[in-house]
Amino acid sequence: FPQDDPDMAEPTMTYLEGFTSATYLEKPSEVDPYLA
């Protein structure tokens, strides 16, 4: 997400979708492996 407005800034996330649920990972330690 854009980081220009600190009040509206959201962290980079990873979205995973399964058969019965969806997961949003927000912690850098969880997101970084997906970025790599």
Full PDB file with SEQRES, HELIX, SHEET, SSBOND, CRYST1, ORIGX, SCALE, CONECT and MASTER records, all heavy atoms in Angstrom:
SEQRES   1 A   36  PHE PRO GLN ASP ASP PRO ASP MET ALA GLU PRO THR MET          
SEQRES   2 A   36  THR TYR LEU GLU GLY PHE THR SER ALA THR TYR LEU GLU          
SEQRES   3 A   36  LYS PRO SER GLU VAL ASP PRO TYR LEU ALA                      
HELIX    1 AA1 PRO A   28  LEU A   35  1                                   8    
SHEET    1 AA1 2 THR A  14  GLU A  17  0                                        
SHEET    2 AA1 2 ALA A  22  LEU A  25 -1                                        
CRYST1    1.000    1.000    1.000  90.00  90.00  90.00 P 1           1          
ORIGX1      1.000000  0.000000  0.000000        0.00000                         
ORIGX2      0.000000  1.000000  0.000000        0.00000                         
ORIGX3      0.000000  0.000000  1.000000        0.00000                         
SCALE1      1.000000  0.000000  0.000000        0.00000                         
SCALE2      0.000000  1.000000  0.000000        0.00000                         
SCALE3      0.000000  0.000000  1.000000        0.00000                         
ATOM      1  N   PHE A   1       0.821  -1.206   0.000  1.00  0.00           N  
ATOM      2  CA  PHE A   1       0.000   0.000   0.000  1.00  0.00           C  
ATOM      3  C   PHE A   1       0.854   1.255   0.000  1.00  0.00           C  
ATOM      4  O   PHE A   1       1.969   1.245   0.511  1.00  0.00           O  
ATOM      5  CB  PHE A   1      -0.906   0.005   1.234  1.00  0.00           C  
ATOM      6  CG  PHE A   1      -1.754  -1.229   1.344  1.00  0.00           C  
ATOM      7  CD1 PHE A   1      -1.365  -2.294   2.140  1.00  0.00           C  
ATOM      8  CD2 PHE A   1      -2.938  -1.337   0.632  1.00  0.00           C  
ATOM      9  CE1 PHE A   1      -2.137  -3.437   2.239  1.00  0.00           C  
ATOM     10  CE2 PHE A   1      -3.723  -2.472   0.718  1.00  0.00           C  
ATOM     11  CZ  PHE A   1      -3.327  -3.524   1.523  1.00  0.00           C  
ATOM     12  N   PRO A   2       0.318   2.357  -0.546  1.00  0.00           N  
ATOM     13  CA  PRO A   2       1.053   3.624  -0.515  1.00  0.00           C  
ATOM     14  C   PRO A   2       1.342   4.039   0.929  1.00  0.00           C  
ATOM     15  O   PRO A   2       0.521   3.823   1.815  1.00  0.00           O  
ATOM     16  CB  PRO A   2       0.100   4.630  -1.172  1.00  0.00           C  
ATOM     17  CG  PRO A   2      -0.905   3.817  -1.897  1.00  0.00           C  
ATOM     18  CD  PRO A   2      -0.977   2.495  -1.203  1.00  0.00           C  
ATOM     19  N   GLN A   3       2.499   4.628   1.127  1.00  0.00           N  
ATOM     20  CA  GLN A   3       2.900   5.033   2.479  1.00  0.00           C  
ATOM     21  C   GLN A   3       2.965   6.549   2.621  1.00  0.00           C  
ATOM     22  O   GLN A   3       3.519   7.052   3.598  1.00  0.00           O  
ATOM     23  CB  GLN A   3       4.269   4.413   2.819  1.00  0.00           C  
ATOM     24  CG  GLN A   3       4.290   2.902   2.772  1.00  0.00           C  
ATOM     25  CD  GLN A   3       3.417   2.260   3.832  1.00  0.00           C  
ATOM     26  OE1 GLN A   3       3.454   2.634   4.994  1.00  0.00           O  
ATOM     27  NE2 GLN A   3       2.617   1.291   3.424  1.00  0.00           N  
ATOM     28  N   ASP A   4       2.395   7.306   1.655  1.00  0.00           N  
ATOM     29  CA  ASP A   4       2.524   8.774   1.681  1.00  0.00           C  
ATOM     30  C   ASP A   4       1.806   9.424   2.858  1.00  0.00           C  
ATOM     31  O   ASP A   4       2.237  10.447   3.348  1.00  0.00           O  
ATOM     32  CB  ASP A   4       2.046   9.455   0.405  1.00  0.00           C  
ATOM     33  CG  ASP A   4       1.523   8.575  -0.682  1.00  0.00           C  
ATOM     34  OD1 ASP A   4       1.544   7.364  -0.542  1.00  0.00           O  
ATOM     35  OD2 ASP A   4       1.110   9.143  -1.686  1.00  0.00           O  
ATOM     36  N   ASP A   5       0.675   8.878   3.291  1.00  0.00           N  
ATOM     37  CA  ASP A   5      -0.083   9.458   4.401  1.00  0.00           C  
ATOM     38  C   ASP A   5       0.059   8.547   5.617  1.00  0.00           C  
ATOM     39  O   ASP A   5      -0.564   7.486   5.673  1.00  0.00           O  
ATOM     40  CB  ASP A   5      -1.548   9.608   4.003  1.00  0.00           C  
ATOM     41  CG  ASP A   5      -2.387  10.284   5.073  1.00  0.00           C  
ATOM     42  OD1 ASP A   5      -1.896  10.493   6.201  1.00  0.00           O  
ATOM     43  OD2 ASP A   5      -3.555  10.605   4.770  1.00  0.00           O  
ATOM     44  N   PRO A   6       0.849   8.959   6.613  1.00  0.00           N  
ATOM     45  CA  PRO A   6       1.093   8.102   7.780  1.00  0.00           C  
ATOM     46  C   PRO A   6      -0.191   7.682   8.511  1.00  0.00           C  
ATOM     47  O   PRO A   6      -0.245   6.613   9.102  1.00  0.00           O  
ATOM     48  CB  PRO A   6       1.973   8.945   8.694  1.00  0.00           C  
ATOM     49  CG  PRO A   6       2.498  10.041   7.848  1.00  0.00           C  
ATOM     50  CD  PRO A   6       1.563  10.217   6.697  1.00  0.00           C  
ATOM     51  N   ASP A   7      -1.234   8.514   8.443  1.00  0.00           N  
ATOM     52  CA  ASP A   7      -2.485   8.170   9.123  1.00  0.00           C  
ATOM     53  C   ASP A   7      -3.244   7.059   8.402  1.00  0.00           C  
ATOM     54  O   ASP A   7      -4.078   6.383   9.004  1.00  0.00           O  
ATOM     55  CB  ASP A   7      -3.384   9.402   9.239  1.00  0.00           C  
ATOM     56  CG  ASP A   7      -2.786  10.470  10.153  1.00  0.00           C  
ATOM     57  OD1 ASP A   7      -2.056  10.089  11.098  1.00  0.00           O  
ATOM     58  OD2 ASP A   7      -3.024  11.665   9.907  1.00  0.00           O  
ATOM     59  N   MET A   8      -2.983   6.899   7.122  1.00  0.00           N  
ATOM     60  CA  MET A   8      -3.693   5.901   6.319  1.00  0.00           C  
ATOM     61  C   MET A   8      -2.793   4.723   5.917  1.00  0.00           C  
ATOM     62  O   MET A   8      -3.262   3.792   5.264  1.00  0.00           O  
ATOM     63  CB  MET A   8      -4.245   6.550   5.043  1.00  0.00           C  
ATOM     64  CG  MET A   8      -5.221   7.679   5.289  1.00  0.00           C  
ATOM     65  SD  MET A   8      -6.759   7.133   6.047  1.00  0.00           S  
ATOM     66  CE  MET A   8      -7.488   6.253   4.695  1.00  0.00           C  
ATOM     67  N   ALA A   9      -1.532   4.769   6.286  1.00  0.00           N  
ATOM     68  CA  ALA A   9      -0.567   3.753   5.856  1.00  0.00           C  
ATOM     69  C   ALA A   9      -0.914   2.378   6.436  1.00  0.00           C  
ATOM     70  O   ALA A   9      -1.311   2.261   7.588  1.00  0.00           O  
ATOM     71  CB  ALA A   9       0.839   4.152   6.274  1.00  0.00           C  
ATOM     72  N   GLU A  10      -0.778   1.375   5.604  1.00  0.00           N  
ATOM     73  CA  GLU A  10      -0.973  -0.019   5.998  1.00  0.00           C  
ATOM     74  C   GLU A  10       0.327  -0.768   5.732  1.00  0.00           C  
ATOM     75  O   GLU A  10       1.036  -0.474   4.777  1.00  0.00           O  
ATOM     76  CB  GLU A  10      -2.110  -0.666   5.186  1.00  0.00           C  
ATOM     77  CG  GLU A  10      -3.476  -0.117   5.476  1.00  0.00           C  
ATOM     78  CD  GLU A  10      -4.029  -0.583   6.812  1.00  0.00           C  
ATOM     79  OE1 GLU A  10      -3.584  -1.637   7.325  1.00  0.00           O  
ATOM     80  OE2 GLU A  10      -4.895   0.126   7.355  1.00  0.00           O  
ATOM     81  N   PRO A  11       0.639  -1.762   6.552  1.00  0.00           N  
ATOM     82  CA  PRO A  11       1.858  -2.532   6.301  1.00  0.00           C  
ATOM     83  C   PRO A  11       1.692  -3.434   5.079  1.00  0.00           C  
ATOM     84  O   PRO A  11       0.569  -3.779   4.692  1.00  0.00           O  
ATOM     85  CB  PRO A  11       2.004  -3.377   7.572  1.00  0.00           C  
ATOM     86  CG  PRO A  11       0.603  -3.534   8.069  1.00  0.00           C  
ATOM     87  CD  PRO A  11      -0.095  -2.237   7.721  1.00  0.00           C  
ATOM     88  N   THR A  12       2.805  -3.820   4.488  1.00  0.00           N  
ATOM     89  CA  THR A  12       2.768  -4.817   3.424  1.00  0.00           C  
ATOM     90  C   THR A  12       2.253  -6.116   4.027  1.00  0.00           C  
ATOM     91  O   THR A  12       2.639  -6.496   5.132  1.00  0.00           O  
ATOM     92  CB  THR A  12       4.174  -5.016   2.838  1.00  0.00           C  
ATOM     93  OG1 THR A  12       4.588  -3.774   2.258  1.00  0.00           O  
ATOM     94  CG2 THR A  12       4.202  -6.104   1.784  1.00  0.00           C  
ATOM     95  N   MET A  13       1.350  -6.773   3.304  1.00  0.00           N  
ATOM     96  CA  MET A  13       0.744  -8.009   3.802  1.00  0.00           C  
ATOM     97  C   MET A  13       0.857  -9.100   2.748  1.00  0.00           C  
ATOM     98  O   MET A  13       1.021  -8.821   1.567  1.00  0.00           O  
ATOM     99  CB  MET A  13      -0.756  -7.808   4.070  1.00  0.00           C  
ATOM    100  CG  MET A  13      -1.081  -6.894   5.198  1.00  0.00           C  
ATOM    101  SD  MET A  13      -2.875  -6.907   5.415  1.00  0.00           S  
ATOM    102  CE  MET A  13      -3.174  -5.151   5.420  1.00  0.00           C  
ATOM    103  N   THR A  14       0.739 -10.335   3.203  1.00  0.00           N  
ATOM    104  CA  THR A  14       0.626 -11.478   2.309  1.00  0.00           C  
ATOM    105  C   THR A  14      -0.745 -12.091   2.522  1.00  0.00           C  
ATOM    106  O   THR A  14      -1.162 -12.315   3.661  1.00  0.00           O  
ATOM    107  CB  THR A  14       1.713 -12.527   2.588  1.00  0.00           C  
ATOM    108  OG1 THR A  14       2.998 -11.923   2.415  1.00  0.00           O  
ATOM    109  CG2 THR A  14       1.594 -13.716   1.653  1.00  0.00           C  
ATOM    110  N   TYR A  15      -1.448 -12.334   1.424  1.00  0.00           N  
ATOM    111  CA  TYR A  15      -2.786 -12.920   1.466  1.00  0.00           C  
ATOM    112  C   TYR A  15      -2.704 -14.353   0.975  1.00  0.00           C  
ATOM    113  O   TYR A  15      -2.166 -14.623  -0.106  1.00  0.00           O  
ATOM    114  CB  TYR A  15      -3.731 -12.095   0.575  1.00  0.00           C  
ATOM    115  CG  TYR A  15      -5.088 -12.699   0.378  1.00  0.00           C  
ATOM    116  CD1 TYR A  15      -6.041 -12.662   1.387  1.00  0.00           C  
ATOM    117  CD2 TYR A  15      -5.427 -13.304  -0.831  1.00  0.00           C  
ATOM    118  CE1 TYR A  15      -7.310 -13.199   1.186  1.00  0.00           C  
ATOM    119  CE2 TYR A  15      -6.689 -13.844  -1.037  1.00  0.00           C  
ATOM    120  CZ  TYR A  15      -7.615 -13.798  -0.020  1.00  0.00           C  
ATOM    121  OH  TYR A  15      -8.860 -14.330  -0.215  1.00  0.00           O  
ATOM    122  N   LEU A  16      -3.221 -15.270   1.782  1.00  0.00           N  
ATOM    123  CA  LEU A  16      -3.258 -16.686   1.432  1.00  0.00           C  
ATOM    124  C   LEU A  16      -4.704 -17.140   1.446  1.00  0.00           C  
ATOM    125  O   LEU A  16      -5.451 -16.824   2.376  1.00  0.00           O  
ATOM    126  CB  LEU A  16      -2.473 -17.519   2.453  1.00  0.00           C  
ATOM    127  CG  LEU A  16      -1.043 -17.077   2.736  1.00  0.00           C  
ATOM    128  CD1 LEU A  16      -0.481 -17.826   3.935  1.00  0.00           C  
ATOM    129  CD2 LEU A  16      -0.188 -17.300   1.514  1.00  0.00           C  
ATOM    130  N   GLU A  17      -5.104 -17.873   0.432  1.00  0.00           N  
ATOM    131  CA  GLU A  17      -6.489 -18.323   0.343  1.00  0.00           C  
ATOM    132  C   GLU A  17      -6.522 -19.835   0.310  1.00  0.00           C  
ATOM    133  O   GLU A  17      -5.799 -20.472  -0.459  1.00  0.00           O  
ATOM    134  CB  GLU A  17      -7.117 -17.750  -0.919  1.00  0.00           C  
ATOM    135  CG  GLU A  17      -8.597 -17.989  -1.033  1.00  0.00           C  
ATOM    136  CD  GLU A  17      -9.177 -17.264  -2.229  1.00  0.00           C  
ATOM    137  OE1 GLU A  17      -9.087 -16.033  -2.298  1.00  0.00           O  
ATOM    138  OE2 GLU A  17      -9.719 -17.962  -3.107  1.00  0.00           O  
ATOM    139  N   GLY A  18      -7.362 -20.415   1.157  1.00  0.00           N  
ATOM    140  CA  GLY A  18      -7.523 -21.862   1.185  1.00  0.00           C  
ATOM    141  C   GLY A  18      -8.945 -22.257   0.826  1.00  0.00           C  
ATOM    142  O   GLY A  18      -9.768 -21.408   0.471  1.00  0.00           O  
ATOM    143  N   PHE A  19      -9.256 -23.533   0.946  1.00  0.00           N  
ATOM    144  CA  PHE A  19     -10.593 -24.025   0.621  1.00  0.00           C  
ATOM    145  C   PHE A  19     -11.663 -23.442   1.535  1.00  0.00           C  
ATOM    146  O   PHE A  19     -12.769 -23.162   1.104  1.00  0.00           O  
ATOM    147  CB  PHE A  19     -10.655 -25.557   0.706  1.00  0.00           C  
ATOM    148  CG  PHE A  19      -9.999 -26.254  -0.441  1.00  0.00           C  
ATOM    149  CD1 PHE A  19      -8.920 -27.085  -0.224  1.00  0.00           C  
ATOM    150  CD2 PHE A  19     -10.451 -26.079  -1.738  1.00  0.00           C  
ATOM    151  CE1 PHE A  19      -8.311 -27.730  -1.275  1.00  0.00           C  
ATOM    152  CE2 PHE A  19      -9.847 -26.715  -2.799  1.00  0.00           C  
ATOM    153  CZ  PHE A  19      -8.774 -27.550  -2.570  1.00  0.00           C  
ATOM    154  N   THR A  20     -11.327 -23.284   2.806  1.00  0.00           N  
ATOM    155  CA  THR A  20     -12.355 -22.863   3.761  1.00  0.00           C  
ATOM    156  C   THR A  20     -12.047 -21.557   4.478  1.00  0.00           C  
ATOM    157  O   THR A  20     -12.838 -21.116   5.306  1.00  0.00           O  
ATOM    158  CB  THR A  20     -12.562 -23.953   4.832  1.00  0.00           C  
ATOM    159  OG1 THR A  20     -11.322 -24.166   5.514  1.00  0.00           O  
ATOM    160  CG2 THR A  20     -13.044 -25.256   4.205  1.00  0.00           C  
ATOM    161  N   SER A  21     -10.928 -20.941   4.180  1.00  0.00           N  
ATOM    162  CA  SER A  21     -10.597 -19.702   4.872  1.00  0.00           C  
ATOM    163  C   SER A  21      -9.565 -18.905   4.084  1.00  0.00           C  
ATOM    164  O   SER A  21      -8.999 -19.384   3.110  1.00  0.00           O  
ATOM    165  CB  SER A  21     -10.038 -20.006   6.268  1.00  0.00           C  
ATOM    166  OG  SER A  21      -8.806 -20.689   6.158  1.00  0.00           O  
ATOM    167  N   ALA A  22      -9.347 -17.688   4.543  1.00  0.00           N  
ATOM    168  CA  ALA A  22      -8.313 -16.822   3.985  1.00  0.00           C  
ATOM    169  C   ALA A  22      -7.499 -16.268   5.149  1.00  0.00           C  
ATOM    170  O   ALA A  22      -8.030 -16.076   6.247  1.00  0.00           O  
ATOM    171  CB  ALA A  22      -8.932 -15.688   3.176  1.00  0.00           C  
ATOM    172  N   THR A  23      -6.228 -16.018   4.898  1.00  0.00           N  
ATOM    173  CA  THR A  23      -5.341 -15.523   5.950  1.00  0.00           C  
ATOM    174  C   THR A  23      -4.577 -14.318   5.443  1.00  0.00           C  
ATOM    175  O   THR A  23      -4.105 -14.310   4.306  1.00  0.00           O  
ATOM    176  CB  THR A  23      -4.324 -16.619   6.359  1.00  0.00           C  
ATOM    177  OG1 THR A  23      -5.043 -17.786   6.762  1.00  0.00           O  
ATOM    178  CG2 THR A  23      -3.430 -16.158   7.481  1.00  0.00           C  
ATOM    179  N   TYR A  24      -4.465 -13.309   6.283  1.00  0.00           N  
ATOM    180  CA  TYR A  24      -3.643 -12.136   6.004  1.00  0.00           C  
ATOM    181  C   TYR A  24      -2.466 -12.162   6.966  1.00  0.00           C  
ATOM    182  O   TYR A  24      -2.658 -12.146   8.176  1.00  0.00           O  
ATOM    183  CB  TYR A  24      -4.437 -10.838   6.220  1.00  0.00           C  
ATOM    184  CG  TYR A  24      -5.515 -10.616   5.202  1.00  0.00           C  
ATOM    185  CD1 TYR A  24      -6.803 -11.102   5.405  1.00  0.00           C  
ATOM    186  CD2 TYR A  24      -5.255  -9.912   4.032  1.00  0.00           C  
ATOM    187  CE1 TYR A  24      -7.801 -10.890   4.472  1.00  0.00           C  
ATOM    188  CE2 TYR A  24      -6.245  -9.689   3.089  1.00  0.00           C  
ATOM    189  CZ  TYR A  24      -7.523 -10.189   3.320  1.00  0.00           C  
ATOM    190  OH  TYR A  24      -8.500  -9.978   2.386  1.00  0.00           O  
ATOM    191  N   LEU A  25      -1.260 -12.221   6.430  1.00  0.00           N  
ATOM    192  CA  LEU A  25      -0.052 -12.180   7.251  1.00  0.00           C  
ATOM    193  C   LEU A  25       0.460 -10.747   7.256  1.00  0.00           C  
ATOM    194  O   LEU A  25       0.605 -10.142   6.195  1.00  0.00           O  
ATOM    195  CB  LEU A  25       1.010 -13.120   6.683  1.00  0.00           C  
ATOM    196  CG  LEU A  25       0.592 -14.579   6.485  1.00  0.00           C  
ATOM    197  CD1 LEU A  25       1.704 -15.349   5.797  1.00  0.00           C  
ATOM    198  CD2 LEU A  25       0.221 -15.212   7.812  1.00  0.00           C  
ATOM    199  N   GLU A  26       0.724 -10.197   8.437  1.00  0.00           N  
ATOM    200  CA  GLU A  26       1.166  -8.804   8.541  1.00  0.00           C  
ATOM    201  C   GLU A  26       2.537  -8.639   9.185  1.00  0.00           C  
ATOM    202  O   GLU A  26       3.208  -7.644   8.954  1.00  0.00           O  
ATOM    203  CB  GLU A  26       0.150  -7.997   9.346  1.00  0.00           C  
ATOM    204  CG  GLU A  26      -1.194  -7.869   8.687  1.00  0.00           C  
ATOM    205  CD  GLU A  26      -2.161  -7.016   9.490  1.00  0.00           C  
ATOM    206  OE1 GLU A  26      -1.700  -6.177  10.286  1.00  0.00           O  
ATOM    207  OE2 GLU A  26      -3.373  -7.197   9.324  1.00  0.00           O  
ATOM    208  N   LYS A  27       2.937  -9.594  10.006  1.00  0.00           N  
ATOM    209  CA  LYS A  27       4.224  -9.471  10.695  1.00  0.00           C  
ATOM    210  C   LYS A  27       5.359  -9.578   9.683  1.00  0.00           C  
ATOM    211  O   LYS A  27       5.343 -10.469   8.823  1.00  0.00           O  
ATOM    212  CB  LYS A  27       4.381 -10.572  11.739  1.00  0.00           C  
ATOM    213  CG  LYS A  27       3.390 -10.506  12.858  1.00  0.00           C  
ATOM    214  CD  LYS A  27       3.578 -11.694  13.790  1.00  0.00           C  
ATOM    215  CE  LYS A  27       2.485 -11.728  14.826  1.00  0.00           C  
ATOM    216  NZ  LYS A  27       2.520 -12.996  15.580  1.00  0.00           N  
ATOM    217  N   PRO A  28       6.364  -8.691   9.779  1.00  0.00           N  
ATOM    218  CA  PRO A  28       7.492  -8.776   8.844  1.00  0.00           C  
ATOM    219  C   PRO A  28       8.123 -10.172   8.782  1.00  0.00           C  
ATOM    220  O   PRO A  28       8.496 -10.633   7.705  1.00  0.00           O  
ATOM    221  CB  PRO A  28       8.474  -7.736   9.378  1.00  0.00           C  
ATOM    222  CG  PRO A  28       7.599  -6.724  10.050  1.00  0.00           C  
ATOM    223  CD  PRO A  28       6.475  -7.535  10.672  1.00  0.00           C  
ATOM    224  N   SER A  29       8.191 -10.856   9.915  1.00  0.00           N  
ATOM    225  CA  SER A  29       8.796 -12.190   9.930  1.00  0.00           C  
ATOM    226  C   SER A  29       7.967 -13.201   9.129  1.00  0.00           C  
ATOM    227  O   SER A  29       8.488 -14.215   8.667  1.00  0.00           O  
ATOM    228  CB  SER A  29       8.970 -12.693  11.362  1.00  0.00           C  
ATOM    229  OG  SER A  29       7.708 -12.807  12.007  1.00  0.00           O  
ATOM    230  N   GLU A  30       6.673 -12.914   8.935  1.00  0.00           N  
ATOM    231  CA  GLU A  30       5.815 -13.783   8.139  1.00  0.00           C  
ATOM    232  C   GLU A  30       5.786 -13.351   6.671  1.00  0.00           C  
ATOM    233  O   GLU A  30       5.706 -14.183   5.774  1.00  0.00           O  
ATOM    234  CB  GLU A  30       4.381 -13.756   8.692  1.00  0.00           C  
ATOM    235  CG  GLU A  30       4.262 -14.293  10.096  1.00  0.00           C  
ATOM    236  CD  GLU A  30       2.884 -14.051  10.698  1.00  0.00           C  
ATOM    237  OE1 GLU A  30       2.215 -13.047  10.342  1.00  0.00           O  
ATOM    238  OE2 GLU A  30       2.476 -14.884  11.529  1.00  0.00           O  
ATOM    239  N   VAL A  31       5.844 -12.047   6.431  1.00  0.00           N  
ATOM    240  CA  VAL A  31       5.742 -11.499   5.074  1.00  0.00           C  
ATOM    241  C   VAL A  31       7.066 -11.629   4.317  1.00  0.00           C  
ATOM    242  O   VAL A  31       7.080 -11.924   3.120  1.00  0.00           O  
ATOM    243  CB  VAL A  31       5.288 -10.022   5.122  1.00  0.00           C  
ATOM    244  CG1 VAL A  31       5.322  -9.391   3.741  1.00  0.00           C  
ATOM    245  CG2 VAL A  31       3.894  -9.912   5.728  1.00  0.00           C  
ATOM    246  N   ASP A  32       8.186 -11.435   5.002  1.00  0.00           N  
ATOM    247  CA  ASP A  32       9.498 -11.416   4.343  1.00  0.00           C  
ATOM    248  C   ASP A  32       9.816 -12.664   3.511  1.00  0.00           C  
ATOM    249  O   ASP A  32      10.346 -12.538   2.405  1.00  0.00           O  
ATOM    250  CB  ASP A  32      10.611 -11.153   5.362  1.00  0.00           C  
ATOM    251  CG  ASP A  32      10.613  -9.720   5.862  1.00  0.00           C  
ATOM    252  OD1 ASP A  32       9.907  -8.869   5.263  1.00  0.00           O  
ATOM    253  OD2 ASP A  32      11.314  -9.434   6.858  1.00  0.00           O  
ATOM    254  N   PRO A  33       9.500 -13.874   3.985  1.00  0.00           N  
ATOM    255  CA  PRO A  33       9.780 -15.037   3.129  1.00  0.00           C  
ATOM    256  C   PRO A  33       9.005 -15.004   1.810  1.00  0.00           C  
ATOM    257  O   PRO A  33       9.519 -15.434   0.775  1.00  0.00           O  
ATOM    258  CB  PRO A  33       9.351 -16.229   3.983  1.00  0.00           C  
ATOM    259  CG  PRO A  33       9.421 -15.741   5.392  1.00  0.00           C  
ATOM    260  CD  PRO A  33       9.057 -14.285   5.325  1.00  0.00           C  
ATOM    261  N   TYR A  34       7.797 -14.474   1.831  1.00  0.00           N  
ATOM    262  CA  TYR A  34       7.013 -14.371   0.602  1.00  0.00           C  
ATOM    263  C   TYR A  34       7.590 -13.300  -0.322  1.00  0.00           C  
ATOM    264  O   TYR A  34       7.614 -13.477  -1.537  1.00  0.00           O  
ATOM    265  CB  TYR A  34       5.542 -14.082   0.915  1.00  0.00           C  
ATOM    266  CG  TYR A  34       4.848 -15.284   1.514  1.00  0.00           C  
ATOM    267  CD1 TYR A  34       4.767 -15.453   2.889  1.00  0.00           C  
ATOM    268  CD2 TYR A  34       4.299 -16.271   0.690  1.00  0.00           C  
ATOM    269  CE1 TYR A  34       4.143 -16.558   3.444  1.00  0.00           C  
ATOM    270  CE2 TYR A  34       3.685 -17.379   1.235  1.00  0.00           C  
ATOM    271  CZ  TYR A  34       3.602 -17.525   2.612  1.00  0.00           C  
ATOM    272  OH  TYR A  34       3.000 -18.619   3.148  1.00  0.00           O  
ATOM    273  N   LEU A  35       8.062 -12.194   0.256  1.00  0.00           N  
ATOM    274  CA  LEU A  35       8.707 -11.163  -0.567  1.00  0.00           C  
ATOM    275  C   LEU A  35       9.962 -11.718  -1.233  1.00  0.00           C  
ATOM    276  O   LEU A  35      10.208 -11.479  -2.421  1.00  0.00           O  
ATOM    277  CB  LEU A  35       9.058  -9.936   0.283  1.00  0.00           C  
ATOM    278  CG  LEU A  35       7.875  -9.093   0.770  1.00  0.00           C  
ATOM    279  CD1 LEU A  35       8.349  -8.058   1.794  1.00  0.00           C  
ATOM    280  CD2 LEU A  35       7.180  -8.419  -0.391  1.00  0.00           C  
ATOM    281  N   ALA A  36      10.746 -12.481  -0.471  1.00  0.00           N  
ATOM    282  CA  ALA A  36      11.962 -13.090  -1.028  1.00  0.00           C  
ATOM    283  C   ALA A  36      11.598 -14.117  -2.107  1.00  0.00           C  
ATOM    284  O   ALA A  36      12.230 -14.167  -3.167  1.00  0.00           O  
ATOM    285  CB  ALA A  36      12.781 -13.747   0.080  1.00  0.00           C  
TER     286      ALA A  36                                                      
MASTER        0    0    0    1    2    0    0    6  285    1    0    3          
END                                                                             
